[in-house]
Each structure stands twice: as C-alpha cells, then as structure tokens.
C-alpha cells in the first residue's frame, strides 16, 4: 500500500528507523529490494572468493579436517548456531555499520564451516555434486522467491514454528553425538524442507517486516537461509552419488 500523506515519515517505523518496505512509495520499495538482492549476490560472491582462498592452502584445509576428525556433529551445531545468530542480528541490527559487520562476520564463519564438506565433495565424491547441488539450491530459492513476490504473501506467522524446529534439529544433532546414531538421508531431506520454510519466511519479511534502510540485514537473513539450504542439498546429493 502506497502512502502519500504529509505525515508519511512520521508514522511508526521498524527497528531500522525507516518505514516498512510494503508501506514505502514504489520507488523506495524497488530501491530497497534491489539493494537487498545486490548485497545478497555480493555475499555469495564473497563466500565463493573466501573458499577459493581457503582451498589454496593445503595446510589450512588439512589442519581443519584433522581438528574435526569424525565429529561432524560439531560442524552441524556450529552451522545451525551461526545461522541462528545471523537471523538474530538481522532482525535486531539498527545501524548500517552493525549490519555490515554482522554480514561480514557471518560470511567468514560460513566459509570456514563449509571447508570440511566441500573438501570431501571435491576429494572423495563425484566432482559434479557441487555444481548439481548449487543448481538445485538456486532453483529452490528462485521458485520460493518468485512465489512470495508474485503473491505478496506474508509468512511471518511461521516464525515461531521455524524457531522451534531449528532448536529441535540442534537437539537431534546433539543426541546423535551422544548416542552415536547417524544423521542420514531423512534428516537432510527434513532440513531442506525447514530451510525452504526459512526462505519463504525471510523473503516475505523483506517485503513486509524490514524497513527500507535494513537492506544489509535483509540480505544477511537470506544468505543464512541459502547457505544452510545449500549445505543440506549438497549432503543429500553426495548421499545419492555414493549409492550409485
């Protein structure tokens, strides 16, 4: 809904200090969306660049693999924890500097967390699993994003359920570590569904619940969901590849 009244900038605002994107005039809303997805693309490119730098050092990669050993549950918990912190920062950040700091820290954290699974994918799995997983992830993200923008649906009601489900997943990961059971195909599939829910939730928030000056925070939330989705799509593709 557009608002051209004189008190347009005096209405209630979000944590960022601006108006909700859905209430902004068309040009401001379009600029906010463009900045959000430009920052998202930049975050993905920065992530890829960091992975290239990290994998250029065999000593660093081997050291990380030796440190992890077989304790994949540590990586899983770190991954979920980083995603949760990113989402919290995205929803509470007020200053632009804080938003950029959160995005930068999260990109570096994700680049480090991804090293073990990318190493295994490149060294022991079919070399096509990474591009296949990337294409699948982009298709899921693109389809869900298009649905939200075409329908204008508000999925903020999913926030509580998604949070509970994420804590449940962390609990399962801890249980797997304590009792020694494997987090296999069905867990990866369930996490893909969960991350798809987060993409719907975060994309609708871009339209309905972020202010027009929170484009960095919005891109951080989207990047967190995409990164986690890619992680589990890659795991699933690797599982199917190993069974061929």
Protein backbone atom coordinates (compact mmCIF):
# COMPACT_ATOMS: atom_id res chain seq x y z
CA UNK A 1 0.00 0.00 0.00
CA UNK A 2 1.42 3.38 -1.01
CA UNK A 3 1.14 6.30 1.37
CA UNK A 4 1.48 9.83 0.04
CA UNK A 5 0.13 11.66 3.09
CA UNK A 6 2.14 14.56 4.57
CA UNK A 7 2.87 12.59 7.75
CA UNK A 8 4.29 9.69 5.74
CA UNK A 9 7.64 9.84 7.50
CA UNK A 10 6.07 10.40 10.92
CA UNK A 11 4.33 7.03 11.08
CA UNK A 12 5.57 4.12 13.22
CA UNK A 13 8.80 2.70 11.94
CA UNK A 14 10.75 -0.51 12.29
CA UNK A 15 13.91 -1.13 14.28
CA UNK A 16 15.98 0.23 11.42
CA UNK A 17 14.43 3.67 11.60
CA UNK A 18 12.67 3.68 8.22
CA UNK A 19 9.26 2.60 7.05
CA UNK A 20 8.33 -0.96 6.16
CA UNK A 21 9.09 -1.72 2.54
CA UNK A 22 5.48 -2.73 1.92
CA UNK A 23 4.34 0.75 3.07
CA UNK A 24 7.00 2.72 1.20
CA UNK A 25 6.34 4.50 -2.08
CA UNK A 26 7.04 2.33 -5.13
CA UNK A 27 10.42 3.85 -5.98
CA UNK A 28 11.75 3.43 -2.42
CA UNK A 29 10.42 -0.11 -2.20
CA UNK A 30 12.05 -1.03 -5.51
CA UNK A 31 15.35 0.53 -4.41
CA UNK A 32 15.26 -1.41 -1.13
CA UNK A 33 14.59 -4.72 -2.88
CA UNK A 34 17.31 -4.03 -5.45
CA UNK A 35 19.86 -3.21 -2.73
CA UNK A 36 18.88 -6.29 -0.73
CA UNK A 37 19.45 -8.71 -3.60
CA UNK A 38 22.58 -6.91 -4.79
CA UNK A 39 24.04 -7.37 -1.30
CA UNK A 40 22.90 -11.00 -1.33
CA UNK A 41 24.70 -11.57 -4.63
CA UNK A 42 27.76 -9.82 -3.21
CA UNK A 43 27.68 -12.04 -0.12
CA UNK A 44 27.56 -15.17 -2.28
CA UNK A 45 30.47 -13.94 -4.41
CA UNK A 46 32.47 -13.08 -1.27
CA UNK A 47 31.76 -16.54 0.12
CA UNK A 48 32.99 -18.17 -3.10
CA UNK A 49 36.11 -16.00 -3.08
CA UNK A 50 36.91 -16.93 0.51
CA UNK A 51 36.51 -20.63 -0.30
CA UNK A 52 38.96 -20.24 -3.18
CA UNK A 53 41.46 -18.57 -0.85
CA UNK A 54 41.00 -21.19 1.88
CA UNK A 55 41.41 -24.11 -0.50
CA UNK A 56 44.59 -22.60 -1.88
CA UNK A 57 46.25 -23.59 1.42
CA UNK A 58 46.53 -27.36 1.83
CA UNK A 59 47.97 -26.86 5.30
CA UNK A 60 44.91 -24.95 6.46
CA UNK A 61 42.43 -27.40 4.96
CA UNK A 62 44.23 -30.46 6.30
CA UNK A 63 44.53 -28.85 9.71
CA UNK A 64 40.79 -28.21 9.84
CA UNK A 65 39.98 -31.74 8.71
CA UNK A 66 42.27 -33.22 11.37
CA UNK A 67 40.76 -30.99 14.03
CA UNK A 68 37.24 -32.12 13.17
CA UNK A 69 38.09 -35.78 12.78
CA UNK A 70 34.84 -37.69 12.67
CA UNK A 71 32.93 -35.24 14.84
CA UNK A 72 30.59 -33.93 12.16
CA UNK A 73 28.02 -33.10 14.78
CA UNK A 74 30.30 -30.25 15.92
CA UNK A 75 30.20 -28.78 12.41
CA UNK A 76 26.43 -29.25 12.27
CA UNK A 77 25.85 -27.49 15.57
CA UNK A 78 28.24 -24.68 14.62
CA UNK A 79 26.42 -24.31 11.33
CA UNK A 80 22.98 -24.11 12.92
CA UNK A 81 24.28 -21.81 15.63
CA UNK A 82 25.81 -19.43 13.12
CA UNK A 83 22.56 -19.37 11.15
CA UNK A 84 20.55 -18.62 14.27
CA UNK A 85 22.92 -15.81 15.32
CA UNK A 86 22.76 -14.36 11.81
CA UNK A 87 18.98 -14.32 11.87
CA UNK A 88 19.02 -12.67 15.31
CA UNK A 89 21.46 -10.00 14.13
CA UNK A 90 19.40 -9.43 11.00
CA UNK A 91 16.23 -8.77 12.97
CA UNK A 92 17.80 -6.52 15.63
CA UNK A 93 20.56 -4.58 13.87
CA UNK A 94 19.87 -0.83 13.83
CA UNK A 95 22.96 0.89 12.43
CA UNK A 96 24.23 0.27 8.93
CA UNK A 97 27.73 -0.37 10.32
CA UNK A 98 26.38 -3.12 12.60
CA UNK A 99 24.53 -4.67 9.68
CA UNK A 100 27.70 -4.75 7.54
CA UNK A 101 29.75 -6.13 10.45
CA UNK A 102 27.23 -8.91 11.01
CA UNK A 103 27.15 -9.79 7.32
CA UNK A 104 30.95 -9.84 7.06
CA UNK A 105 31.41 -11.96 10.18
CA UNK A 106 28.78 -14.40 9.03
CA UNK A 107 30.31 -14.80 5.55
CA UNK A 108 33.70 -15.61 7.09
CA UNK A 109 32.13 -18.06 9.57
CA UNK A 110 30.22 -19.87 6.83
CA UNK A 111 33.30 -20.06 4.61
CA UNK A 112 35.19 -21.81 7.42
CA UNK A 113 32.29 -24.11 8.31
CA UNK A 114 31.91 -25.20 4.69
CA UNK A 115 35.54 -26.30 4.29
CA UNK A 116 35.07 -29.91 5.52
CA UNK A 117 32.06 -30.79 3.38
CA UNK A 118 33.50 -29.10 0.28
CA UNK A 119 36.79 -30.92 0.83
CA UNK A 120 35.05 -34.29 0.98
CA UNK A 121 32.91 -33.39 -2.03
CA UNK A 122 35.96 -32.49 -4.11
CA UNK A 123 38.24 -35.30 -2.92
CA UNK A 124 36.04 -38.33 -2.41
CA UNK A 125 32.69 -37.73 -4.11
CA UNK A 126 31.63 -37.32 -7.71
CA UNK A 127 33.11 -33.99 -8.94
CA UNK A 128 29.71 -32.94 -10.27
CA UNK A 129 27.98 -32.96 -6.87
CA UNK A 130 28.87 -29.34 -6.03
CA UNK A 131 27.51 -27.76 -9.26
CA UNK A 132 24.44 -30.05 -9.12
CA UNK A 133 23.75 -29.00 -5.52
CA UNK A 134 24.28 -25.34 -6.44
CA UNK A 135 21.77 -25.55 -9.31
CA UNK A 136 19.19 -27.32 -7.13
CA UNK A 137 19.64 -24.72 -4.39
CA UNK A 138 19.23 -21.82 -6.82
CA UNK A 139 16.12 -23.42 -8.33
CA UNK A 140 14.51 -23.89 -4.89
CA UNK A 141 15.43 -20.36 -3.82
CA UNK A 142 14.31 -18.82 -7.11
CA UNK A 143 10.98 -20.65 -7.09
CA UNK A 144 10.17 -19.75 -3.49
CA UNK A 145 11.25 -16.13 -4.01
CA UNK A 146 9.09 -15.81 -7.12
CA UNK A 147 6.11 -17.23 -5.25
CA UNK A 148 6.40 -14.69 -2.44
CA UNK A 149 6.85 -11.73 -4.77
CA UNK A 150 4.05 -12.76 -7.11
CA UNK A 151 1.52 -13.47 -4.35
CA UNK A 152 2.74 -10.87 -1.84
CA UNK A 153 2.02 -13.40 0.91
CA UNK A 154 3.19 -12.70 4.46
CA UNK A 155 4.73 -15.80 6.06
CA UNK A 156 5.70 -14.12 9.32
CA UNK A 157 3.30 -16.46 11.14
CA UNK A 158 5.83 -19.25 10.52
CA UNK A 159 8.49 -17.64 12.71
CA UNK A 160 7.64 -19.46 15.94
CA UNK A 161 7.35 -22.85 14.29
CA UNK A 162 10.63 -22.41 12.39
CA UNK A 163 12.47 -21.41 15.57
CA UNK A 164 11.14 -24.43 17.48
CA UNK A 165 12.00 -26.72 14.56
CA UNK A 166 15.55 -25.34 14.41
CA UNK A 167 16.09 -25.95 18.12
CA UNK A 168 14.66 -29.44 17.63
CA UNK A 169 17.17 -30.10 14.85
CA UNK A 170 20.01 -28.94 17.09
CA UNK A 171 18.73 -31.29 19.79
CA UNK A 172 18.70 -34.20 17.34
CA UNK A 173 22.28 -33.37 16.33
CA UNK A 174 23.39 -33.37 19.96
CA UNK A 175 21.52 -36.65 20.53
CA UNK A 176 23.29 -38.17 17.53
CA UNK A 177 26.63 -37.22 19.05
CA UNK A 178 25.77 -38.62 22.49
CA UNK A 179 24.12 -41.87 21.41
CA UNK A 180 26.10 -42.47 18.25
CA UNK A 181 23.34 -42.70 15.65
CA UNK A 182 23.72 -41.37 12.13
CA UNK A 183 22.01 -38.29 10.71
CA UNK A 184 21.18 -39.74 7.34
CA UNK A 185 19.09 -39.06 4.28
CA UNK A 186 15.80 -38.30 6.02
CA UNK A 187 17.36 -35.74 8.33
CA UNK A 188 18.97 -33.96 5.37
CA UNK A 189 15.64 -34.00 3.50
CA UNK A 190 13.82 -32.61 6.54
CA UNK A 191 16.39 -29.83 6.88
CA UNK A 192 15.90 -28.91 3.21
CA UNK A 193 12.18 -28.55 3.89
CA UNK A 194 12.93 -26.50 7.01
CA UNK A 195 15.31 -24.18 5.15
CA UNK A 196 12.73 -23.76 2.39
CA UNK A 197 10.38 -22.57 5.12
CA UNK A 198 13.00 -20.08 6.28
CA UNK A 199 13.38 -18.78 2.71
CA UNK A 200 9.61 -18.19 2.50
CA UNK A 201 9.70 -16.53 5.91
CA UNK A 202 12.74 -14.33 5.23
CA UNK A 203 11.62 -13.35 1.73
CA UNK A 204 8.20 -12.29 2.96
CA UNK A 205 9.94 -10.32 5.71
CA UNK A 206 11.87 -8.44 3.02
CA UNK A 207 8.52 -7.15 1.77
CA UNK A 208 6.57 -6.82 4.99
CA UNK A 209 8.81 -6.54 8.04
CA UNK A 210 12.10 -4.86 7.13
CA UNK A 211 12.46 -1.11 6.92
CA UNK A 212 13.85 0.42 3.76
CA UNK A 213 17.21 1.10 5.44
CA UNK A 214 17.72 -2.51 6.56
CA UNK A 215 18.75 -3.94 3.20
CA UNK A 216 22.02 -5.32 4.60
CA UNK A 217 20.22 -7.13 7.41
CA UNK A 218 17.67 -8.48 4.93
CA UNK A 219 20.43 -9.83 2.68
CA UNK A 220 22.13 -11.41 5.71
CA UNK A 221 18.97 -13.30 6.66
CA UNK A 222 18.51 -14.53 3.09
CA UNK A 223 22.17 -15.56 2.81
CA UNK A 224 21.91 -17.53 6.05
CA UNK A 225 18.94 -19.48 4.72
CA UNK A 226 20.53 -20.10 1.30
CA UNK A 227 23.84 -21.24 2.81
CA UNK A 228 22.14 -23.72 5.12
CA UNK A 229 19.91 -24.95 2.28
CA UNK A 230 22.96 -25.49 0.07
CA UNK A 231 24.70 -27.42 2.86
CA UNK A 232 21.90 -29.97 3.12
CA UNK A 233 21.23 -30.17 -0.61
CA UNK A 234 24.92 -30.93 -1.06
CA UNK A 235 24.80 -33.60 1.63
CA UNK A 236 21.76 -35.18 0.01
CA UNK A 237 23.34 -35.15 -3.46
CA UNK A 238 26.51 -36.69 -2.02
CA UNK A 239 24.47 -39.46 -0.40
CA UNK A 240 22.75 -40.32 -3.66
CA UNK A 241 26.07 -40.11 -5.51
CA UNK A 242 27.74 -42.54 -3.11
CA UNK A 243 24.95 -45.05 -3.71
CA UNK A 244 25.45 -45.08 -7.48
